[in-house]
Amino acid sequence: LSNIDSLRTLATAHVYVLPSVDEPFPMTLLEALSVGTPSVCTN
């Protein structure tokens, strides 16, 4: 997806899941939070 379409897709999801490891500062996770999509990440 393009950056704009990514944000729209995050806004229509009910849960966003990012299982990646050693992710310094994931922007998709911040974007999901900003549109109120409950999110799951790793420690």
PDB file of all heavy atoms in Angstrom:
ATOM      1  N   LEU A   1       0.830  -1.194   0.000  1.00  0.00           N
ATOM      2  CA  LEU A   1       0.000   0.000   0.000  1.00  0.00           C
ATOM      3  C   LEU A   1       0.865   1.245   0.000  1.00  0.00           C
ATOM      4  O   LEU A   1       1.985   1.250   0.530  1.00  0.00           O
ATOM      5  CB  LEU A   1      -0.898   0.034   1.253  1.00  0.00           C
ATOM      6  CG  LEU A   1      -1.964  -1.058   1.392  1.00  0.00           C
ATOM      7  CD1 LEU A   1      -2.622  -0.933   2.756  1.00  0.00           C
ATOM      8  CD2 LEU A   1      -2.995  -0.954   0.289  1.00  0.00           C
ATOM      9  N   SER A   2       0.345   2.319  -0.575  1.00  0.00           N
ATOM     10  CA  SER A   2       0.990   3.623  -0.452  1.00  0.00           C
ATOM     11  C   SER A   2       0.834   4.124   0.979  1.00  0.00           C
ATOM     12  O   SER A   2       0.047   3.585   1.772  1.00  0.00           O
ATOM     13  CB  SER A   2       0.354   4.630  -1.411  1.00  0.00           C
ATOM     14  OG  SER A   2      -0.975   4.917  -1.003  1.00  0.00           O
ATOM     15  N   ASN A   3       1.575   5.176   1.331  1.00  0.00           N
ATOM     16  CA  ASN A   3       1.495   5.718   2.690  1.00  0.00           C
ATOM     17  C   ASN A   3       0.084   6.174   3.031  1.00  0.00           C
ATOM     18  O   ASN A   3      -0.421   5.927   4.135  1.00  0.00           O
ATOM     19  CB  ASN A   3       2.473   6.881   2.849  1.00  0.00           C
ATOM     20  CG  ASN A   3       3.915   6.427   2.845  1.00  0.00           C
ATOM     21  OD1 ASN A   3       4.201   5.285   3.192  1.00  0.00           O
ATOM     22  ND2 ASN A   3       4.824   7.283   2.439  1.00  0.00           N
ATOM     23  N   ILE A   4      -0.588   6.842   2.093  1.00  0.00           N
ATOM     24  CA  ILE A   4      -1.939   7.339   2.345  1.00  0.00           C
ATOM     25  C   ILE A   4      -2.910   6.172   2.513  1.00  0.00           C
ATOM     26  O   ILE A   4      -3.735   6.143   3.436  1.00  0.00           O
ATOM     27  CB  ILE A   4      -2.389   8.272   1.207  1.00  0.00           C
ATOM     28  CG1 ILE A   4      -1.564   9.557   1.226  1.00  0.00           C
ATOM     29  CG2 ILE A   4      -3.874   8.593   1.323  1.00  0.00           C
ATOM     30  CD1 ILE A   4      -1.868  10.503   0.087  1.00  0.00           C
ATOM     31  N   ASP A   5      -2.812   5.178   1.636  1.00  0.00           N
ATOM     32  CA  ASP A   5      -3.701   4.023   1.738  1.00  0.00           C
ATOM     33  C   ASP A   5      -3.431   3.213   3.005  1.00  0.00           C
ATOM     34  O   ASP A   5      -4.345   2.589   3.561  1.00  0.00           O
ATOM     35  CB  ASP A   5      -3.556   3.133   0.504  1.00  0.00           C
ATOM     36  CG  ASP A   5      -4.184   3.758  -0.739  1.00  0.00           C
ATOM     37  OD1 ASP A   5      -5.064   4.628  -0.577  1.00  0.00           O
ATOM     38  OD2 ASP A   5      -3.783   3.391  -1.854  1.00  0.00           O
ATOM     39  N   SER A   6      -2.182   3.218   3.470  1.00  0.00           N
ATOM     40  CA  SER A   6      -1.862   2.511   4.716  1.00  0.00           C
ATOM     41  C   SER A   6      -2.630   3.102   5.884  1.00  0.00           C
ATOM     42  O   SER A   6      -3.203   2.370   6.712  1.00  0.00           O
ATOM     43  CB  SER A   6      -0.357   2.593   4.998  1.00  0.00           C
ATOM     44  OG  SER A   6       0.380   1.858   4.053  1.00  0.00           O
ATOM     45  N   LEU A   7      -2.672   4.427   5.971  1.00  0.00           N
ATOM     46  CA  LEU A   7      -3.374   5.074   7.074  1.00  0.00           C
ATOM     47  C   LEU A   7      -4.873   4.789   7.003  1.00  0.00           C
ATOM     48  O   LEU A   7      -5.515   4.521   8.025  1.00  0.00           O
ATOM     49  CB  LEU A   7      -3.111   6.581   7.047  1.00  0.00           C
ATOM     50  CG  LEU A   7      -3.536   7.363   8.291  1.00  0.00           C
ATOM     51  CD1 LEU A   7      -2.848   6.819   9.532  1.00  0.00           C
ATOM     52  CD2 LEU A   7      -3.247   8.842   8.128  1.00  0.00           C
ATOM     53  N   ARG A   8      -5.426   4.814   5.804  1.00  0.00           N
ATOM     54  CA  ARG A   8      -6.849   4.500   5.656  1.00  0.00           C
ATOM     55  C   ARG A   8      -7.145   3.061   6.071  1.00  0.00           C
ATOM     56  O   ARG A   8      -8.162   2.774   6.711  1.00  0.00           O
ATOM     57  CB  ARG A   8      -7.268   4.713   4.197  1.00  0.00           C
ATOM     58  CG  ARG A   8      -7.255   6.171   3.757  1.00  0.00           C
ATOM     59  CD  ARG A   8      -7.498   6.270   2.275  1.00  0.00           C
ATOM     60  NE  ARG A   8      -7.450   7.649   1.802  1.00  0.00           N
ATOM     61  CZ  ARG A   8      -7.218   8.002   0.546  1.00  0.00           C
ATOM     62  NH1 ARG A   8      -6.995   7.067  -0.375  1.00  0.00           N
ATOM     63  NH2 ARG A   8      -7.199   9.282   0.203  1.00  0.00           N
ATOM     64  N   THR A   9      -6.247   2.154   5.720  1.00  0.00           N
ATOM     65  CA  THR A   9      -6.442   0.746   6.060  1.00  0.00           C
ATOM     66  C   THR A   9      -6.329   0.529   7.563  1.00  0.00           C
ATOM     67  O   THR A   9      -7.100  -0.240   8.151  1.00  0.00           O
ATOM     68  CB  THR A   9      -5.419  -0.122   5.303  1.00  0.00           C
ATOM     69  OG1 THR A   9      -5.599   0.074   3.898  1.00  0.00           O
ATOM     70  CG2 THR A   9      -5.589  -1.596   5.635  1.00  0.00           C
ATOM     71  N   LEU A  10      -5.376   1.199   8.192  1.00  0.00           N
ATOM     72  CA  LEU A  10      -5.250   1.100   9.646  1.00  0.00           C
ATOM     73  C   LEU A  10      -6.518   1.596  10.340  1.00  0.00           C
ATOM     74  O   LEU A  10      -6.936   1.050  11.352  1.00  0.00           O
ATOM     75  CB  LEU A  10      -4.043   1.919  10.119  1.00  0.00           C
ATOM     76  CG  LEU A  10      -2.674   1.319   9.820  1.00  0.00           C
ATOM     77  CD1 LEU A  10      -1.582   2.370   9.981  1.00  0.00           C
ATOM     78  CD2 LEU A  10      -2.386   0.129  10.727  1.00  0.00           C
ATOM     79  N   ALA A  11      -7.125   2.638   9.772  1.00  0.00           N
ATOM     80  CA  ALA A  11      -8.314   3.226  10.392  1.00  0.00           C
ATOM     81  C   ALA A  11      -9.543   2.329  10.278  1.00  0.00           C
ATOM     82  O   ALA A  11     -10.509   2.505  11.039  1.00  0.00           O
ATOM     83  CB  ALA A  11      -8.604   4.592   9.769  1.00  0.00           C
ATOM     84  N   THR A  12      -9.537   1.380   9.354  1.00  0.00           N
ATOM     85  CA  THR A  12     -10.692   0.486   9.198  1.00  0.00           C
ATOM     86  C   THR A  12     -10.476  -0.862   9.877  1.00  0.00           C
ATOM     87  O   THR A  12     -11.392  -1.682   9.910  1.00  0.00           O
ATOM     88  CB  THR A  12     -11.004   0.252   7.707  1.00  0.00           C
ATOM     89  OG1 THR A  12      -9.873  -0.356   7.065  1.00  0.00           O
ATOM     90  CG2 THR A  12     -11.332   1.562   7.013  1.00  0.00           C
ATOM     91  N   ALA A  13      -9.269  -1.090  10.393  1.00  0.00           N
ATOM     92  CA  ALA A  13      -8.997  -2.347  11.098  1.00  0.00           C
ATOM     93  C   ALA A  13      -9.559  -2.291  12.513  1.00  0.00           C
ATOM     94  O   ALA A  13      -9.715  -1.215  13.101  1.00  0.00           O
ATOM     95  CB  ALA A  13      -7.497  -2.611  11.135  1.00  0.00           C
ATOM     96  N   HIS A  14      -9.843  -3.461  13.073  1.00  0.00           N
ATOM     97  CA  HIS A  14     -10.289  -3.537  14.470  1.00  0.00           C
ATOM     98  C   HIS A  14      -9.133  -3.857  15.417  1.00  0.00           C
ATOM     99  O   HIS A  14      -9.200  -3.533  16.605  1.00  0.00           O
ATOM    100  CB  HIS A  14     -11.394  -4.583  14.612  1.00  0.00           C
ATOM    101  CG  HIS A  14     -12.640  -4.209  13.871  1.00  0.00           C
ATOM    102  ND1 HIS A  14     -12.992  -4.785  12.670  1.00  0.00           N
ATOM    103  CD2 HIS A  14     -13.592  -3.286  14.144  1.00  0.00           C
ATOM    104  CE1 HIS A  14     -14.130  -4.249  12.245  1.00  0.00           C
ATOM    105  NE2 HIS A  14     -14.507  -3.338  13.105  1.00  0.00           N
ATOM    106  N   VAL A  15      -8.103  -4.500  14.903  1.00  0.00           N
ATOM    107  CA  VAL A  15      -6.872  -4.740  15.670  1.00  0.00           C
ATOM    108  C   VAL A  15      -5.700  -4.677  14.700  1.00  0.00           C
ATOM    109  O   VAL A  15      -5.774  -5.239  13.594  1.00  0.00           O
ATOM    110  CB  VAL A  15      -6.869  -6.121  16.372  1.00  0.00           C
ATOM    111  CG1 VAL A  15      -5.576  -6.296  17.180  1.00  0.00           C
ATOM    112  CG2 VAL A  15      -8.082  -6.289  17.277  1.00  0.00           C
ATOM    113  N   TYR A  16      -4.635  -3.993  15.121  1.00  0.00           N
ATOM    114  CA  TYR A  16      -3.390  -3.989  14.342  1.00  0.00           C
ATOM    115  C   TYR A  16      -2.354  -4.796  15.113  1.00  0.00           C
ATOM    116  O   TYR A  16      -2.172  -4.601  16.323  1.00  0.00           O
ATOM    117  CB  TYR A  16      -2.885  -2.568  14.120  1.00  0.00           C
ATOM    118  CG  TYR A  16      -1.520  -2.525  13.465  1.00  0.00           C
ATOM    119  CD1 TYR A  16      -1.323  -3.089  12.211  1.00  0.00           C
ATOM    120  CD2 TYR A  16      -0.419  -1.957  14.114  1.00  0.00           C
ATOM    121  CE1 TYR A  16      -0.081  -3.075  11.604  1.00  0.00           C
ATOM    122  CE2 TYR A  16       0.824  -1.930  13.512  1.00  0.00           C
ATOM    123  CZ  TYR A  16       0.997  -2.491  12.265  1.00  0.00           C
ATOM    124  OH  TYR A  16       2.227  -2.486  11.665  1.00  0.00           O
ATOM    125  N   VAL A  17      -1.667  -5.697  14.402  1.00  0.00           N
ATOM    126  CA  VAL A  17      -0.692  -6.581  15.045  1.00  0.00           C
ATOM    127  C   VAL A  17       0.670  -6.396  14.381  1.00  0.00           C
ATOM    128  O   VAL A  17       0.796  -6.530  13.155  1.00  0.00           O
ATOM    129  CB  VAL A  17      -1.125  -8.062  14.931  1.00  0.00           C
ATOM    130  CG1 VAL A  17      -0.127  -8.960  15.660  1.00  0.00           C
ATOM    131  CG2 VAL A  17      -2.529  -8.249  15.496  1.00  0.00           C
ATOM    132  N   LEU A  18       1.683  -6.102  15.194  1.00  0.00           N
ATOM    133  CA  LEU A  18       3.055  -5.965  14.703  1.00  0.00           C
ATOM    134  C   LEU A  18       3.941  -6.942  15.475  1.00  0.00           C
ATOM    135  O   LEU A  18       4.420  -6.627  16.562  1.00  0.00           O
ATOM    136  CB  LEU A  18       3.556  -4.527  14.883  1.00  0.00           C
ATOM    137  CG  LEU A  18       4.928  -4.220  14.290  1.00  0.00           C
ATOM    138  CD1 LEU A  18       4.897  -4.323  12.767  1.00  0.00           C
ATOM    139  CD2 LEU A  18       5.408  -2.839  14.713  1.00  0.00           C
ATOM    140  N   PRO A  19       4.173  -8.153  14.926  1.00  0.00           N
ATOM    141  CA  PRO A  19       4.936  -9.171  15.667  1.00  0.00           C
ATOM    142  C   PRO A  19       6.453  -9.029  15.547  1.00  0.00           C
ATOM    143  O   PRO A  19       7.179  -9.905  16.002  1.00  0.00           O
ATOM    144  CB  PRO A  19       4.483 -10.489  15.013  1.00  0.00           C
ATOM    145  CG  PRO A  19       3.490 -10.133  13.953  1.00  0.00           C
ATOM    146  CD  PRO A  19       3.658  -8.677  13.665  1.00  0.00           C
ATOM    147  N   SER A  20       6.937  -7.969  14.917  1.00  0.00           N
ATOM    148  CA  SER A  20       8.365  -7.862  14.624  1.00  0.00           C
ATOM    149  C   SER A  20       9.193  -7.700  15.890  1.00  0.00           C
ATOM    150  O   SER A  20       8.707  -7.255  16.927  1.00  0.00           O
ATOM    151  CB  SER A  20       8.631  -6.688  13.676  1.00  0.00           C
ATOM    152  OG  SER A  20       8.187  -5.487  14.255  1.00  0.00           O
ATOM    153  N   VAL A  21      10.469  -8.057  15.782  1.00  0.00           N
ATOM    154  CA  VAL A  21      11.396  -7.963  16.909  1.00  0.00           C
ATOM    155  C   VAL A  21      12.397  -6.843  16.651  1.00  0.00           C
ATOM    156  O   VAL A  21      12.715  -6.515  15.516  1.00  0.00           O
ATOM    157  CB  VAL A  21      12.147  -9.293  17.140  1.00  0.00           C
ATOM    158  CG1 VAL A  21      11.168 -10.370  17.579  1.00  0.00           C
ATOM    159  CG2 VAL A  21      12.892  -9.733  15.885  1.00  0.00           C
ATOM    160  N   ASP A  22      12.855  -6.232  17.751  1.00  0.00           N
ATOM    161  CA  ASP A  22      13.886  -5.184  17.691  1.00  0.00           C
ATOM    162  C   ASP A  22      13.480  -4.045  16.761  1.00  0.00           C
ATOM    163  O   ASP A  22      14.300  -3.504  16.026  1.00  0.00           O
ATOM    164  CB  ASP A  22      15.229  -5.774  17.258  1.00  0.00           C
ATOM    165  CG  ASP A  22      15.737  -6.829  18.233  1.00  0.00           C
ATOM    166  OD1 ASP A  22      15.480  -6.677  19.438  1.00  0.00           O
ATOM    167  OD2 ASP A  22      16.358  -7.806  17.788  1.00  0.00           O
ATOM    168  N   GLU A  23      12.225  -3.683  16.816  1.00  0.00           N
ATOM    169  CA  GLU A  23      11.708  -2.565  16.021  1.00  0.00           C
ATOM    170  C   GLU A  23      11.972  -1.279  16.797  1.00  0.00           C
ATOM    171  O   GLU A  23      11.421  -1.081  17.880  1.00  0.00           O
ATOM    172  CB  GLU A  23      10.206  -2.739  15.803  1.00  0.00           C
ATOM    173  CG  GLU A  23       9.617  -1.839  14.765  1.00  0.00           C
ATOM    174  CD  GLU A  23       9.893  -2.337  13.353  1.00  0.00           C
ATOM    175  OE1 GLU A  23       9.678  -3.518  13.075  1.00  0.00           O
ATOM    176  OE2 GLU A  23      10.345  -1.505  12.552  1.00  0.00           O
ATOM    177  N   PRO A  24      12.826  -0.365  16.300  1.00  0.00           N
ATOM    178  CA  PRO A  24      13.211   0.790  17.107  1.00  0.00           C
ATOM    179  C   PRO A  24      12.039   1.714  17.449  1.00  0.00           C
ATOM    180  O   PRO A  24      11.813   2.038  18.611  1.00  0.00           O
ATOM    181  CB  PRO A  24      14.246   1.513  16.234  1.00  0.00           C
ATOM    182  CG  PRO A  24      14.723   0.507  15.253  1.00  0.00           C
ATOM    183  CD  PRO A  24      13.572  -0.419  15.028  1.00  0.00           C
ATOM    184  N   PHE A  25      11.283   2.143  16.428  1.00  0.00           N
ATOM    185  CA  PHE A  25      10.246   3.147  16.651  1.00  0.00           C
ATOM    186  C   PHE A  25       9.242   3.043  15.508  1.00  0.00           C
ATOM    187  O   PHE A  25       9.209   3.873  14.607  1.00  0.00           O
ATOM    188  CB  PHE A  25      10.868   4.547  16.673  1.00  0.00           C
ATOM    189  CG  PHE A  25      10.242   5.489  17.659  1.00  0.00           C
ATOM    190  CD1 PHE A  25      10.902   5.834  18.825  1.00  0.00           C
ATOM    191  CD2 PHE A  25       9.001   6.043  17.415  1.00  0.00           C
ATOM    192  CE1 PHE A  25      10.339   6.718  19.725  1.00  0.00           C
ATOM    193  CE2 PHE A  25       8.424   6.927  18.305  1.00  0.00           C
ATOM    194  CZ  PHE A  25       9.092   7.271  19.472  1.00  0.00           C
ATOM    195  N   PRO A  26       8.399   2.013  15.498  1.00  0.00           N
ATOM    196  CA  PRO A  26       7.570   1.702  14.335  1.00  0.00           C
ATOM    197  C   PRO A  26       6.495   2.753  14.068  1.00  0.00           C
ATOM    198  O   PRO A  26       5.597   2.974  14.889  1.00  0.00           O
ATOM    199  CB  PRO A  26       6.949   0.350  14.690  1.00  0.00           C
ATOM    200  CG  PRO A  26       6.986   0.313  16.180  1.00  0.00           C
ATOM    201  CD  PRO A  26       8.200   1.065  16.607  1.00  0.00           C
ATOM    202  N   MET A  27       6.547   3.369  12.889  1.00  0.00           N
ATOM    203  CA  MET A  27       5.594   4.407  12.552  1.00  0.00           C
ATOM    204  C   MET A  27       4.200   3.842  12.306  1.00  0.00           C
ATOM    205  O   MET A  27       3.199   4.494  12.615  1.00  0.00           O
ATOM    206  CB  MET A  27       6.072   5.183  11.328  1.00  0.00           C
ATOM    207  CG  MET A  27       7.267   6.086  11.606  1.00  0.00           C
ATOM    208  SD  MET A  27       6.958   7.261  12.950  1.00  0.00           S
ATOM    209  CE  MET A  27       5.605   8.232  12.279  1.00  0.00           C
ATOM    210  N   THR A  28       4.099   2.626  11.749  1.00  0.00           N
ATOM    211  CA  THR A  28       2.760   2.063  11.542  1.00  0.00           C
ATOM    212  C   THR A  28       2.039   1.862  12.866  1.00  0.00           C
ATOM    213  O   THR A  28       0.812   2.020  12.943  1.00  0.00           O
ATOM    214  CB  THR A  28       2.830   0.723  10.790  1.00  0.00           C
ATOM    215  OG1 THR A  28       3.777  -0.142  11.443  1.00  0.00           O
ATOM    216  CG2 THR A  28       3.215   0.927   9.344  1.00  0.00           C
ATOM    217  N   LEU A  29       2.790   1.540  13.907  1.00  0.00           N
ATOM    218  CA  LEU A  29       2.179   1.371  15.224  1.00  0.00           C
ATOM    219  C   LEU A  29       1.652   2.709  15.736  1.00  0.00           C
ATOM    220  O   LEU A  29       0.531   2.799  16.258  1.00  0.00           O
ATOM    221  CB  LEU A  29       3.197   0.776  16.194  1.00  0.00           C
ATOM    222  CG  LEU A  29       2.725   0.463  17.616  1.00  0.00           C
ATOM    223  CD1 LEU A  29       1.507  -0.437  17.605  1.00  0.00           C
ATOM    224  CD2 LEU A  29       3.851  -0.178  18.419  1.00  0.00           C
ATOM    225  N   LEU A  30       2.435   3.773  15.586  1.00  0.00           N
ATOM    226  CA  LEU A  30       1.972   5.098  15.999  1.00  0.00           C
ATOM    227  C   LEU A  30       0.747   5.519  15.190  1.00  0.00           C
ATOM    228  O   LEU A  30      -0.195   6.116  15.726  1.00  0.00           O
ATOM    229  CB  LEU A  30       3.082   6.139  15.822  1.00  0.00           C
ATOM    230  CG  LEU A  30       4.358   5.979  16.636  1.00  0.00           C
ATOM    231  CD1 LEU A  30       5.193   7.253  16.548  1.00  0.00           C
ATOM    232  CD2 LEU A  30       4.059   5.642  18.081  1.00  0.00           C
ATOM    233  N   GLU A  31       0.763   5.218  13.886  1.00  0.00           N
ATOM    234  CA  GLU A  31      -0.370   5.575  13.039  1.00  0.00           C
ATOM    235  C   GLU A  31      -1.630   4.826  13.467  1.00  0.00           C
ATOM    236  O   GLU A  31      -2.731   5.393  13.474  1.00  0.00           O
ATOM    237  CB  GLU A  31      -0.039   5.293  11.583  1.00  0.00           C
ATOM    238  CG  GLU A  31       0.979   6.257  11.006  1.00  0.00           C
ATOM    239  CD  GLU A  31       1.446   5.873   9.615  1.00  0.00           C
ATOM    240  OE1 GLU A  31       1.397   4.679   9.276  1.00  0.00           O
ATOM    241  OE2 GLU A  31       1.854   6.773   8.879  1.00  0.00           O
ATOM    242  N   ALA A  32      -1.477   3.553  13.804  1.00  0.00           N
ATOM    243  CA  ALA A  32      -2.629   2.777  14.270  1.00  0.00           C
ATOM    244  C   ALA A  32      -3.206   3.386  15.545  1.00  0.00           C
ATOM    245  O   ALA A  32      -4.434   3.536  15.689  1.00  0.00           O
ATOM    246  CB  ALA A  32      -2.229   1.321  14.505  1.00  0.00           C
ATOM    247  N   LEU A  33      -2.336   3.760  16.477  1.00  0.00           N
ATOM    248  CA  LEU A  33      -2.803   4.392  17.711  1.00  0.00           C
ATOM    249  C   LEU A  33      -3.535   5.694  17.411  1.00  0.00           C
ATOM    250  O   LEU A  33      -4.582   5.995  18.012  1.00  0.00           O
ATOM    251  CB  LEU A  33      -1.628   4.667  18.649  1.00  0.00           C
ATOM    252  CG  LEU A  33      -0.796   3.473  19.111  1.00  0.00           C
ATOM    253  CD1 LEU A  33       0.331   3.935  20.023  1.00  0.00           C
ATOM    254  CD2 LEU A  33      -1.654   2.431  19.815  1.00  0.00           C
ATOM    255  N   SER A  34      -3.007   6.471  16.478  1.00  0.00           N
ATOM    256  CA  SER A  34      -3.568   7.801  16.208  1.00  0.00           C
ATOM    257  C   SER A  34      -4.992   7.729  15.675  1.00  0.00           C
ATOM    258  O   SER A  34      -5.758   8.676  15.849  1.00  0.00           O
ATOM    259  CB  SER A  34      -2.672   8.562  15.225  1.00  0.00           C
ATOM    260  OG  SER A  34      -2.830   8.081  13.900  1.00  0.00           O
ATOM    261  N   VAL A  35      -5.337   6.643  14.993  1.00  0.00           N
ATOM    262  CA  VAL A  35      -6.702   6.497  14.466  1.00  0.00           C
ATOM    263  C   VAL A  35      -7.566   5.620  15.366  1.00  0.00           C
ATOM    264  O   VAL A  35      -8.663   5.203  14.985  1.00  0.00           O
ATOM    265  CB  VAL A  35      -6.687   5.941  13.022  1.00  0.00           C
ATOM    266  CG1 VAL A  35      -6.040   6.933  12.081  1.00  0.00           C
ATOM    267  CG2 VAL A  35      -5.977   4.588  12.948  1.00  0.00           C
ATOM    268  N   GLY A  36      -7.064   5.333  16.568  1.00  0.00           N
ATOM    269  CA  GLY A  36      -7.858   4.620  17.550  1.00  0.00           C
ATOM    270  C   GLY A  36      -7.991   3.134  17.311  1.00  0.00           C
ATOM    271  O   GLY A  36      -8.955   2.514  17.786  1.00  0.00           O
ATOM    272  N   THR A  37      -7.036   2.549  16.602  1.00  0.00           N
ATOM    273  CA  THR A  37      -7.087   1.096  16.364  1.00  0.00           C
ATOM    274  C   THR A  37      -6.294   0.376  17.451  1.00  0.00           C
ATOM    275  O   THR A  37      -5.075   0.574  17.564  1.00  0.00           O
ATOM    276  CB  THR A  37      -6.515   0.752  14.987  1.00  0.00           C
ATOM    277  OG1 THR A  37      -7.314   1.379  13.976  1.00  0.00           O
ATOM    278  CG2 THR A  37      -6.504  -0.741  14.753  1.00  0.00           C
ATOM    279  N   PRO A  38      -6.935  -0.435  18.274  1.00  0.00           N
ATOM    280  CA  PRO A  38      -6.208  -1.192  19.302  1.00  0.00           C
ATOM    281  C   PRO A  38      -5.083  -2.010  18.663  1.00  0.00           C
ATOM    282  O   PRO A  38      -5.266  -2.607  17.590  1.00  0.00           O
ATOM    283  CB  PRO A  38      -7.287  -2.098  19.898  1.00  0.00           C
ATOM    284  CG  PRO A  38      -8.563  -1.359  19.654  1.00  0.00           C
ATOM    285  CD  PRO A  38      -8.383  -0.700  18.316  1.00  0.00           C
ATOM    286  N   SER A  39      -3.929  -2.040  19.320  1.00  0.00           N
ATOM    287  CA  SER A  39      -2.734  -2.612  18.698  1.00  0.00           C
ATOM    288  C   SER A  39      -2.017  -3.569  19.630  1.00  0.00           C
ATOM    289  O   SER A  39      -2.090  -3.451  20.852  1.00  0.00           O
ATOM    290  CB  SER A  39      -1.783  -1.491  18.276  1.00  0.00           C
ATOM    291  OG  SER A  39      -2.412  -0.630  17.337  1.00  0.00           O
ATOM    292  N   VAL A  40      -1.283  -4.503  18.995  1.00  0.00           N
ATOM    293  CA  VAL A  40      -0.498  -5.502  19.703  1.00  0.00           C
ATOM    294  C   VAL A  40       0.917  -5.457  19.155  1.00  0.00           C
ATOM    295  O   VAL A  40       1.112  -5.444  17.939  1.00  0.00           O
ATOM    296  CB  VAL A  40      -1.090  -6.917  19.497  1.00  0.00           C
ATOM    297  CG1 VAL A  40      -0.278  -7.957  20.271  1.00  0.00           C
ATOM    298  CG2 VAL A  40      -2.556  -6.958  19.903  1.00  0.00           C
ATOM    299  N   CYS A  41       1.919  -5.421  20.040  1.00  0.00           N
ATOM    300  CA  CYS A  41       3.315  -5.434  19.601  1.00  0.00           C
ATOM    301  C   CYS A  41       4.115  -6.364  20.507  1.00  0.00           C
ATOM    302  O   CYS A  41       3.562  -6.990  21.420  1.00  0.00           O
ATOM    303  CB  CYS A  41       3.903  -4.021  19.606  1.00  0.00           C
ATOM    304  SG  CYS A  41       4.075  -3.285  21.254  1.00  0.00           S
ATOM    305  N   THR A  42       5.424  -6.432  20.278  1.00  0.00           N
ATOM    306  CA  THR A  42       6.289  -7.301  21.080  1.00  0.00           C
ATOM    307  C   THR A  42       7.096  -6.469  22.071  1.00  0.00           C
ATOM    308  O   THR A  42       7.279  -5.264  21.902  1.00  0.00           O
ATOM    309  CB  THR A  42       7.263  -8.105  20.200  1.00  0.00           C
ATOM    310  OG1 THR A  42       8.224  -7.209  19.635  1.00  0.00           O
ATOM    311  CG2 THR A  42       6.513  -8.812  19.076  1.00  0.00           C
ATOM    312  N   ASN A  43       7.600  -7.153  23.099  1.00  0.00           N
ATOM    313  CA  ASN A  43       8.335  -6.441  24.146  1.00  0.00           C
ATOM    314  C   ASN A  43       9.723  -5.992  23.718  1.00  0.00           C
ATOM    315  O   ASN A  43      10.405  -5.294  24.469  1.00  0.00           O
ATOM    316  CB  ASN A  43       8.420  -7.280  25.426  1.00  0.00           C
ATOM    317  CG  ASN A  43       8.927  -8.688  25.161  1.00  0.00           C
ATOM    318  OD1 ASN A  43       9.572  -8.962  24.149  1.00  0.00           O
ATOM    319  ND2 ASN A  43       8.620  -9.605  26.068  1.00  0.00           N
TER     320      ASN A  43
END
